[in-house]
Amino acid sequence: MPLALALGLAVSFSAPASAAPETKRGNETLKKYCTGDYLNYCGNLAPEDPKLDACFEKNWKSLSENCRRAIDAYQATTGGKKG
């Protein structure tokens, strides 16, 4: 399951606008619930890095329950599509 969409968005909004690139992935709920998980597990990757999905998948069981739920909800509304 593509988790980067959540964390990529979370990262882009967790830092000042000038410090992080804008991303078109995710939504406000993902940003709210997944920023910490992104920083903890995949913060070394840029929001649009293709490796971000793999990082989230690798750490899926370690992600907070709220983040996992936000990702599942986002995927349900986007038909499971990335970004």
PDB file of N, CA and C in Angstrom:
ATOM      1  N   MET A   1       0.837  -1.181   0.000  1.00  0.00           N
ATOM      2  CA  MET A   1       0.000   0.000   0.000  1.00  0.00           C
ATOM      3  C   MET A   1       0.875   1.235   0.000  1.00  0.00           C
ATOM      4  N   PRO A   2       0.565   2.206  -0.816  1.00  0.00           N
ATOM      5  CA  PRO A   2       1.404   3.392  -0.936  1.00  0.00           C
ATOM      6  C   PRO A   2       1.232   4.332   0.248  1.00  0.00           C
ATOM      7  N   LEU A   3       2.210   4.366   1.076  1.00  0.00           N
ATOM      8  CA  LEU A   3       2.156   5.183   2.270  1.00  0.00           C
ATOM      9  C   LEU A   3       2.806   6.529   2.081  1.00  0.00           C
ATOM     10  N   ALA A   4       3.642   6.628   1.104  1.00  0.00           N
ATOM     11  CA  ALA A   4       4.375   7.871   0.887  1.00  0.00           C
ATOM     12  C   ALA A   4       3.452   9.032   0.641  1.00  0.00           C
ATOM     13  N   LEU A   5       2.330   8.768   0.030  1.00  0.00           N
ATOM     14  CA  LEU A   5       1.409   9.857  -0.224  1.00  0.00           C
ATOM     15  C   LEU A   5       1.064  10.555   1.072  1.00  0.00           C
ATOM     16  N   ALA A   6       0.977   9.829   2.140  1.00  0.00           N
ATOM     17  CA  ALA A   6       0.665  10.435   3.422  1.00  0.00           C
ATOM     18  C   ALA A   6       1.849  11.183   3.971  1.00  0.00           C
ATOM     19  N   LEU A   7       2.954  10.537   4.018  1.00  0.00           N
ATOM     20  CA  LEU A   7       4.099  11.140   4.641  1.00  0.00           C
ATOM     21  C   LEU A   7       4.726  12.214   3.784  1.00  0.00           C
ATOM     22  N   GLY A   8       4.672  12.045   2.504  1.00  0.00           N
ATOM     23  CA  GLY A   8       5.200  13.076   1.626  1.00  0.00           C
ATOM     24  C   GLY A   8       4.497  14.391   1.860  1.00  0.00           C
ATOM     25  N   LEU A   9       3.206  14.330   2.001  1.00  0.00           N
ATOM     26  CA  LEU A   9       2.443  15.536   2.283  1.00  0.00           C
ATOM     27  C   LEU A   9       2.780  16.042   3.670  1.00  0.00           C
ATOM     28  N   ALA A  10       2.875  15.149   4.606  1.00  0.00           N
ATOM     29  CA  ALA A  10       3.156  15.553   5.974  1.00  0.00           C
ATOM     30  C   ALA A  10       4.463  16.321   6.071  1.00  0.00           C
ATOM     31  N   VAL A  11       5.452  15.862   5.385  1.00  0.00           N
ATOM     32  CA  VAL A  11       6.757  16.506   5.438  1.00  0.00           C
ATOM     33  C   VAL A  11       6.713  17.874   4.789  1.00  0.00           C
ATOM     34  N   SER A  12       6.025  17.980   3.701  1.00  0.00           N
ATOM     35  CA  SER A  12       6.023  19.245   2.976  1.00  0.00           C
ATOM     36  C   SER A  12       5.372  20.353   3.775  1.00  0.00           C
ATOM     37  N   PHE A  13       4.537  20.010   4.725  1.00  0.00           N
ATOM     38  CA  PHE A  13       3.866  21.024   5.520  1.00  0.00           C
ATOM     39  C   PHE A  13       4.393  21.130   6.940  1.00  0.00           C
ATOM     40  N   SER A  14       5.303  20.263   7.310  1.00  0.00           N
ATOM     41  CA  SER A  14       5.828  20.295   8.671  1.00  0.00           C
ATOM     42  C   SER A  14       6.956  21.304   8.824  1.00  0.00           C
ATOM     43  N   ALA A  15       7.526  21.710   7.726  1.00  0.00           N
ATOM     44  CA  ALA A  15       8.609  22.692   7.744  1.00  0.00           C
ATOM     45  C   ALA A  15       8.103  23.983   7.107  1.00  0.00           C
ATOM     46  N   PRO A  16       8.800  25.073   7.305  1.00  0.00           N
ATOM     47  CA  PRO A  16       8.390  26.317   6.658  1.00  0.00           C
ATOM     48  C   PRO A  16       8.280  26.138   5.148  1.00  0.00           C
ATOM     49  N   ALA A  17       7.372  26.855   4.547  1.00  0.00           N
ATOM     50  CA  ALA A  17       7.111  26.695   3.115  1.00  0.00           C
ATOM     51  C   ALA A  17       8.374  26.819   2.282  1.00  0.00           C
ATOM     52  N   SER A  18       9.271  27.683   2.666  1.00  0.00           N
ATOM     53  CA  SER A  18      10.487  27.868   1.876  1.00  0.00           C
ATOM     54  C   SER A  18      11.475  26.718   2.045  1.00  0.00           C
ATOM     55  N   ALA A  19      11.319  25.941   3.106  1.00  0.00           N
ATOM     56  CA  ALA A  19      12.272  24.876   3.384  1.00  0.00           C
ATOM     57  C   ALA A  19      11.868  23.543   2.772  1.00  0.00           C
ATOM     58  N   ALA A  20      10.585  23.351   2.495  1.00  0.00           N
ATOM     59  CA  ALA A  20      10.128  22.072   1.971  1.00  0.00           C
ATOM     60  C   ALA A  20       9.408  22.280   0.650  1.00  0.00           C
ATOM     61  N   PRO A  21       9.646  21.377  -0.283  1.00  0.00           N
ATOM     62  CA  PRO A  21       8.961  21.496  -1.558  1.00  0.00           C
ATOM     63  C   PRO A  21       7.480  21.193  -1.425  1.00  0.00           C
ATOM     64  N   GLU A  22       6.672  21.825  -2.246  1.00  0.00           N
ATOM     65  CA  GLU A  22       5.246  21.544  -2.241  1.00  0.00           C
ATOM     66  C   GLU A  22       5.033  20.177  -2.859  1.00  0.00           C
ATOM     67  N   THR A  23       4.000  19.489  -2.421  1.00  0.00           N
ATOM     68  CA  THR A  23       3.666  18.197  -2.990  1.00  0.00           C
ATOM     69  C   THR A  23       2.177  18.161  -3.260  1.00  0.00           C
ATOM     70  N   LYS A  24       1.778  17.389  -4.245  1.00  0.00           N
ATOM     71  CA  LYS A  24       0.374  17.273  -4.589  1.00  0.00           C
ATOM     72  C   LYS A  24      -0.215  15.997  -4.014  1.00  0.00           C
ATOM     73  N   ARG A  25       0.547  15.288  -3.237  1.00  0.00           N
ATOM     74  CA  ARG A  25       0.097  14.014  -2.697  1.00  0.00           C
ATOM     75  C   ARG A  25      -0.589  14.217  -1.359  1.00  0.00           C
ATOM     76  N   GLY A  26      -1.642  13.462  -1.116  1.00  0.00           N
ATOM     77  CA  GLY A  26      -2.258  13.441   0.193  1.00  0.00           C
ATOM     78  C   GLY A  26      -3.329  14.486   0.405  1.00  0.00           C
ATOM     79  N   ASN A  27      -3.661  14.701   1.689  1.00  0.00           N
ATOM     80  CA  ASN A  27      -4.680  15.664   2.073  1.00  0.00           C
ATOM     81  C   ASN A  27      -4.423  16.140   3.502  1.00  0.00           C
ATOM     82  N   GLU A  28      -5.298  16.980   4.011  1.00  0.00           N
ATOM     83  CA  GLU A  28      -5.110  17.553   5.345  1.00  0.00           C
ATOM     84  C   GLU A  28      -5.110  16.485   6.445  1.00  0.00           C
ATOM     85  N   THR A  29      -5.939  15.464   6.307  1.00  0.00           N
ATOM     86  CA  THR A  29      -5.997  14.406   7.315  1.00  0.00           C
ATOM     87  C   THR A  29      -4.673  13.652   7.381  1.00  0.00           C
ATOM     88  N   LEU A  30      -4.118  13.354   6.233  1.00  0.00           N
ATOM     89  CA  LEU A  30      -2.820  12.670   6.206  1.00  0.00           C
ATOM     90  C   LEU A  30      -1.754  13.548   6.849  1.00  0.00           C
ATOM     91  N   LYS A  31      -1.801  14.806   6.510  1.00  0.00           N
ATOM     92  CA  LYS A  31      -0.838  15.751   7.074  1.00  0.00           C
ATOM     93  C   LYS A  31      -0.945  15.764   8.597  1.00  0.00           C
ATOM     94  N   LYS A  32      -2.170  15.813   9.080  1.00  0.00           N
ATOM     95  CA  LYS A  32      -2.415  15.898  10.527  1.00  0.00           C
ATOM     96  C   LYS A  32      -1.919  14.651  11.268  1.00  0.00           C
ATOM     97  N   TYR A  33      -2.212  13.483  10.714  1.00  0.00           N
ATOM     98  CA  TYR A  33      -1.944  12.248  11.452  1.00  0.00           C
ATOM     99  C   TYR A  33      -0.643  11.530  11.091  1.00  0.00           C
ATOM    100  N   CYS A  34       0.014  11.927  10.025  1.00  0.00           N
ATOM    101  CA  CYS A  34       1.186  11.171   9.585  1.00  0.00           C
ATOM    102  C   CYS A  34       2.504  11.936   9.614  1.00  0.00           C
ATOM    103  N   THR A  35       2.483  13.196   9.952  1.00  0.00           N
ATOM    104  CA  THR A  35       3.725  13.966   9.953  1.00  0.00           C
ATOM    105  C   THR A  35       4.764  13.347  10.883  1.00  0.00           C
ATOM    106  N   GLY A  36       4.373  13.014  12.090  1.00  0.00           N
ATOM    107  CA  GLY A  36       5.315  12.428  13.047  1.00  0.00           C
ATOM    108  C   GLY A  36       5.888  11.111  12.565  1.00  0.00           C
ATOM    109  N   ASP A  37       5.030  10.272  11.987  1.00  0.00           N
ATOM    110  CA  ASP A  37       5.498   8.987  11.469  1.00  0.00           C
ATOM    111  C   ASP A  37       6.470   9.191  10.307  1.00  0.00           C
ATOM    112  N   TYR A  38       6.152  10.126   9.448  1.00  0.00           N
ATOM    113  CA  TYR A  38       7.058  10.426   8.337  1.00  0.00           C
ATOM    114  C   TYR A  38       8.430  10.818   8.879  1.00  0.00           C
ATOM    115  N   LEU A  39       8.435  11.739   9.827  1.00  0.00           N
ATOM    116  CA  LEU A  39       9.708  12.216  10.373  1.00  0.00           C
ATOM    117  C   LEU A  39      10.460  11.104  11.090  1.00  0.00           C
ATOM    118  N   ASN A  40       9.746  10.243  11.798  1.00  0.00           N
ATOM    119  CA  ASN A  40      10.379   9.153  12.540  1.00  0.00           C
ATOM    120  C   ASN A  40      10.956   8.065  11.641  1.00  0.00           C
ATOM    121  N   TYR A  41      10.231   7.702  10.607  1.00  0.00           N
ATOM    122  CA  TYR A  41      10.617   6.528   9.833  1.00  0.00           C
ATOM    123  C   TYR A  41      11.195   6.832   8.449  1.00  0.00           C
ATOM    124  N   CYS A  42      10.801   7.928   7.855  1.00  0.00           N
ATOM    125  CA  CYS A  42      11.189   8.172   6.458  1.00  0.00           C
ATOM    126  C   CYS A  42      11.648   9.605   6.218  1.00  0.00           C
ATOM    127  N   GLY A  43      11.945  10.331   7.269  1.00  0.00           N
ATOM    128  CA  GLY A  43      12.296  11.738   7.155  1.00  0.00           C
ATOM    129  C   GLY A  43      13.543  12.017   6.337  1.00  0.00           C
ATOM    130  N   ASN A  44      14.333  11.000   6.085  1.00  0.00           N
ATOM    131  CA  ASN A  44      15.530  11.190   5.271  1.00  0.00           C
ATOM    132  C   ASN A  44      15.204  11.249   3.776  1.00  0.00           C
ATOM    133  N   LEU A  45      13.952  10.989   3.423  1.00  0.00           N
ATOM    134  CA  LEU A  45      13.536  10.990   2.027  1.00  0.00           C
ATOM    135  C   LEU A  45      12.718  12.232   1.706  1.00  0.00           C
ATOM    136  N   ALA A  46      12.878  12.734   0.497  1.00  0.00           N
ATOM    137  CA  ALA A  46      12.098  13.882   0.044  1.00  0.00           C
ATOM    138  C   ALA A  46      10.647  13.452  -0.164  1.00  0.00           C
ATOM    139  N   PRO A  47       9.701  14.381  -0.013  1.00  0.00           N
ATOM    140  CA  PRO A  47       8.277  14.042  -0.164  1.00  0.00           C
ATOM    141  C   PRO A  47       7.924  13.382  -1.494  1.00  0.00           C
ATOM    142  N   GLU A  48       8.590  13.730  -2.564  1.00  0.00           N
ATOM    143  CA  GLU A  48       8.255  13.162  -3.871  1.00  0.00           C
ATOM    144  C   GLU A  48       9.178  12.007  -4.273  1.00  0.00           C
ATOM    145  N   ASP A  49      10.035  11.557  -3.359  1.00  0.00           N
ATOM    146  CA  ASP A  49      10.958  10.457  -3.660  1.00  0.00           C
ATOM    147  C   ASP A  49      10.163   9.164  -3.864  1.00  0.00           C
ATOM    148  N   PRO A  50      10.373   8.469  -4.979  1.00  0.00           N
ATOM    149  CA  PRO A  50       9.665   7.203  -5.221  1.00  0.00           C
ATOM    150  C   PRO A  50       9.924   6.156  -4.127  1.00  0.00           C
ATOM    151  N   LYS A  51      11.029   6.272  -3.429  1.00  0.00           N
ATOM    152  CA  LYS A  51      11.356   5.319  -2.362  1.00  0.00           C
ATOM    153  C   LYS A  51      10.495   5.518  -1.120  1.00  0.00           C
ATOM    154  N   LEU A  52       9.781   6.623  -1.047  1.00  0.00           N
ATOM    155  CA  LEU A  52       8.967   6.921   0.124  1.00  0.00           C
ATOM    156  C   LEU A  52       7.851   5.896   0.309  1.00  0.00           C
ATOM    157  N   ASP A  53       7.231   5.454  -0.785  1.00  0.00           N
ATOM    158  CA  ASP A  53       6.199   4.432  -0.682  1.00  0.00           C
ATOM    159  C   ASP A  53       6.755   3.168  -0.036  1.00  0.00           C
ATOM    160  N   ALA A  54       7.916   2.747  -0.490  1.00  0.00           N
ATOM    161  CA  ALA A  54       8.534   1.539   0.058  1.00  0.00           C
ATOM    162  C   ALA A  54       8.868   1.720   1.534  1.00  0.00           C
ATOM    163  N   CYS A  55       9.289   2.914   1.909  1.00  0.00           N
ATOM    164  CA  CYS A  55       9.617   3.179   3.307  1.00  0.00           C
ATOM    165  C   CYS A  55       8.374   3.046   4.182  1.00  0.00           C
ATOM    166  N   PHE A  56       7.266   3.607   3.742  1.00  0.00           N
ATOM    167  CA  PHE A  56       6.028   3.496   4.509  1.00  0.00           C
ATOM    168  C   PHE A  56       5.546   2.053   4.572  1.00  0.00           C
ATOM    169  N   GLU A  57       5.655   1.355   3.463  1.00  0.00           N
ATOM    170  CA  GLU A  57       5.251  -0.053   3.451  1.00  0.00           C
ATOM    171  C   GLU A  57       6.106  -0.864   4.420  1.00  0.00           C
ATOM    172  N   LYS A  58       7.392  -0.617   4.412  1.00  0.00           N
ATOM    173  CA  LYS A  58       8.312  -1.324   5.299  1.00  0.00           C
ATOM    174  C   LYS A  58       7.966  -1.071   6.762  1.00  0.00           C
ATOM    175  N   ASN A  59       7.554   0.149   7.065  1.00  0.00           N
ATOM    176  CA  ASN A  59       7.285   0.538   8.449  1.00  0.00           C
ATOM    177  C   ASN A  59       5.804   0.540   8.815  1.00  0.00           C
ATOM    178  N   TRP A  60       4.961  -0.028   7.958  1.00  0.00           N
ATOM    179  CA  TRP A  60       3.515   0.014   8.145  1.00  0.00           C
ATOM    180  C   TRP A  60       3.092  -0.381   9.566  1.00  0.00           C
ATOM    181  N   LYS A  61       3.605  -1.459  10.079  1.00  0.00           N
ATOM    182  CA  LYS A  61       3.196  -1.941  11.405  1.00  0.00           C
ATOM    183  C   LYS A  61       3.665  -1.026  12.527  1.00  0.00           C
ATOM    184  N   SER A  62       4.669  -0.218  12.268  1.00  0.00           N
ATOM    185  CA  SER A  62       5.186   0.710  13.275  1.00  0.00           C
ATOM    186  C   SER A  62       4.493   2.068  13.235  1.00  0.00           C
ATOM    187  N   LEU A  63       3.787   2.354  12.156  1.00  0.00           N
ATOM    188  CA  LEU A  63       3.100   3.643  12.038  1.00  0.00           C
ATOM    189  C   LEU A  63       1.996   3.731  13.080  1.00  0.00           C
ATOM    190  N   SER A  64       1.691   4.938  13.485  1.00  0.00           N
ATOM    191  CA  SER A  64       0.617   5.121  14.457  1.00  0.00           C
ATOM    192  C   SER A  64      -0.705   4.646  13.859  1.00  0.00           C
ATOM    193  N   GLU A  65      -1.597   4.223  14.721  1.00  0.00           N
ATOM    194  CA  GLU A  65      -2.899   3.746  14.263  1.00  0.00           C
ATOM    195  C   GLU A  65      -3.642   4.840  13.498  1.00  0.00           C
ATOM    196  N   ASN A  66      -3.562   6.062  13.992  1.00  0.00           N
ATOM    197  CA  ASN A  66      -4.243   7.163  13.311  1.00  0.00           C
ATOM    198  C   ASN A  66      -3.684   7.399  11.917  1.00  0.00           C
ATOM    199  N   CYS A  67      -2.402   7.278  11.756  1.00  0.00           N
ATOM    200  CA  CYS A  67      -1.795   7.454  10.438  1.00  0.00           C
ATOM    201  C   CYS A  67      -2.242   6.334   9.504  1.00  0.00           C
ATOM    202  N   ARG A  68      -2.205   5.101   9.978  1.00  0.00           N
ATOM    203  CA  ARG A  68      -2.645   3.982   9.137  1.00  0.00           C
ATOM    204  C   ARG A  68      -4.101   4.156   8.708  1.00  0.00           C
ATOM    205  N   ARG A  69      -4.942   4.593   9.633  1.00  0.00           N
ATOM    206  CA  ARG A  69      -6.357   4.822   9.300  1.00  0.00           C
ATOM    207  C   ARG A  69      -6.507   5.947   8.282  1.00  0.00           C
ATOM    208  N   ALA A  70      -5.730   7.001   8.448  1.00  0.00           N
ATOM    209  CA  ALA A  70      -5.794   8.122   7.510  1.00  0.00           C
ATOM    210  C   ALA A  70      -5.368   7.673   6.111  1.00  0.00           C
ATOM    211  N   ILE A  71      -4.344   6.845   6.047  1.00  0.00           N
ATOM    212  CA  ILE A  71      -3.885   6.335   4.750  1.00  0.00           C
ATOM    213  C   ILE A  71      -4.958   5.455   4.121  1.00  0.00           C
ATOM    214  N   ASP A  72      -5.533   4.560   4.917  1.00  0.00           N
ATOM    215  CA  ASP A  72      -6.589   3.685   4.395  1.00  0.00           C
ATOM    216  C   ASP A  72      -7.774   4.501   3.884  1.00  0.00           C
ATOM    217  N   ALA A  73      -8.168   5.515   4.633  1.00  0.00           N
ATOM    218  CA  ALA A  73      -9.296   6.369   4.227  1.00  0.00           C
ATOM    219  C   ALA A  73      -8.964   7.120   2.945  1.00  0.00           C
ATOM    220  N   TYR A  74      -7.753   7.647   2.848  1.00  0.00           N
ATOM    221  CA  TYR A  74      -7.336   8.382   1.658  1.00  0.00           C
ATOM    222  C   TYR A  74      -7.357   7.460   0.443  1.00  0.00           C
ATOM    223  N   GLN A  75      -6.836   6.271   0.598  1.00  0.00           N
ATOM    224  CA  GLN A  75      -6.807   5.337  -0.517  1.00  0.00           C
ATOM    225  C   GLN A  75      -8.212   4.939  -0.940  1.00  0.00           C
ATOM    226  N   ALA A  76      -9.121   4.826   0.012  1.00  0.00           N
ATOM    227  CA  ALA A  76     -10.507   4.485  -0.319  1.00  0.00           C
ATOM    228  C   ALA A  76     -11.172   5.578  -1.149  1.00  0.00           C
ATOM    229  N   THR A  77     -10.823   6.834  -0.868  1.00  0.00           N
ATOM    230  CA  THR A  77     -11.443   7.952  -1.597  1.00  0.00           C
ATOM    231  C   THR A  77     -10.765   8.204  -2.942  1.00  0.00           C
ATOM    232  N   THR A  78      -9.565   7.693  -3.128  1.00  0.00           N
ATOM    233  CA  THR A  78      -8.846   7.908  -4.386  1.00  0.00           C
ATOM    234  C   THR A  78      -8.781   6.624  -5.210  1.00  0.00           C
ATOM    235  N   GLY A  79      -9.494   5.617  -4.789  1.00  0.00           N
ATOM    236  CA  GLY A  79      -9.484   4.360  -5.522  1.00  0.00           C
ATOM    237  C   GLY A  79      -8.162   3.629  -5.415  1.00  0.00           C
ATOM    238  N   GLY A  80      -7.418   3.871  -4.324  1.00  0.00           N
ATOM    239  CA  GLY A  80      -6.151   3.199  -4.114  1.00  0.00           C
ATOM    240  C   GLY A  80      -5.017   3.764  -4.944  1.00  0.00           C
ATOM    241  N   LYS A  81      -5.273   4.886  -5.606  1.00  0.00           N
ATOM    242  CA  LYS A  81      -4.245   5.499  -6.448  1.00  0.00           C
ATOM    243  C   LYS A  81      -3.225   6.232  -5.603  1.00  0.00           C
ATOM    244  N   LYS A  82      -2.005   6.269  -6.083  1.00  0.00           N
ATOM    245  CA  LYS A  82      -0.954   7.051  -5.441  1.00  0.00           C
ATOM    246  C   LYS A  82      -1.179   8.519  -5.782  1.00  0.00           C
ATOM    247  N   GLY A  83      -0.887   9.352  -4.785  1.00  0.00           N
ATOM    248  CA  GLY A  83      -0.895  10.793  -5.020  1.00  0.00           C
ATOM    249  C   GLY A  83      -2.163  11.382  -5.331  1.00  0.00           C
TER     250      GLY A  83
END
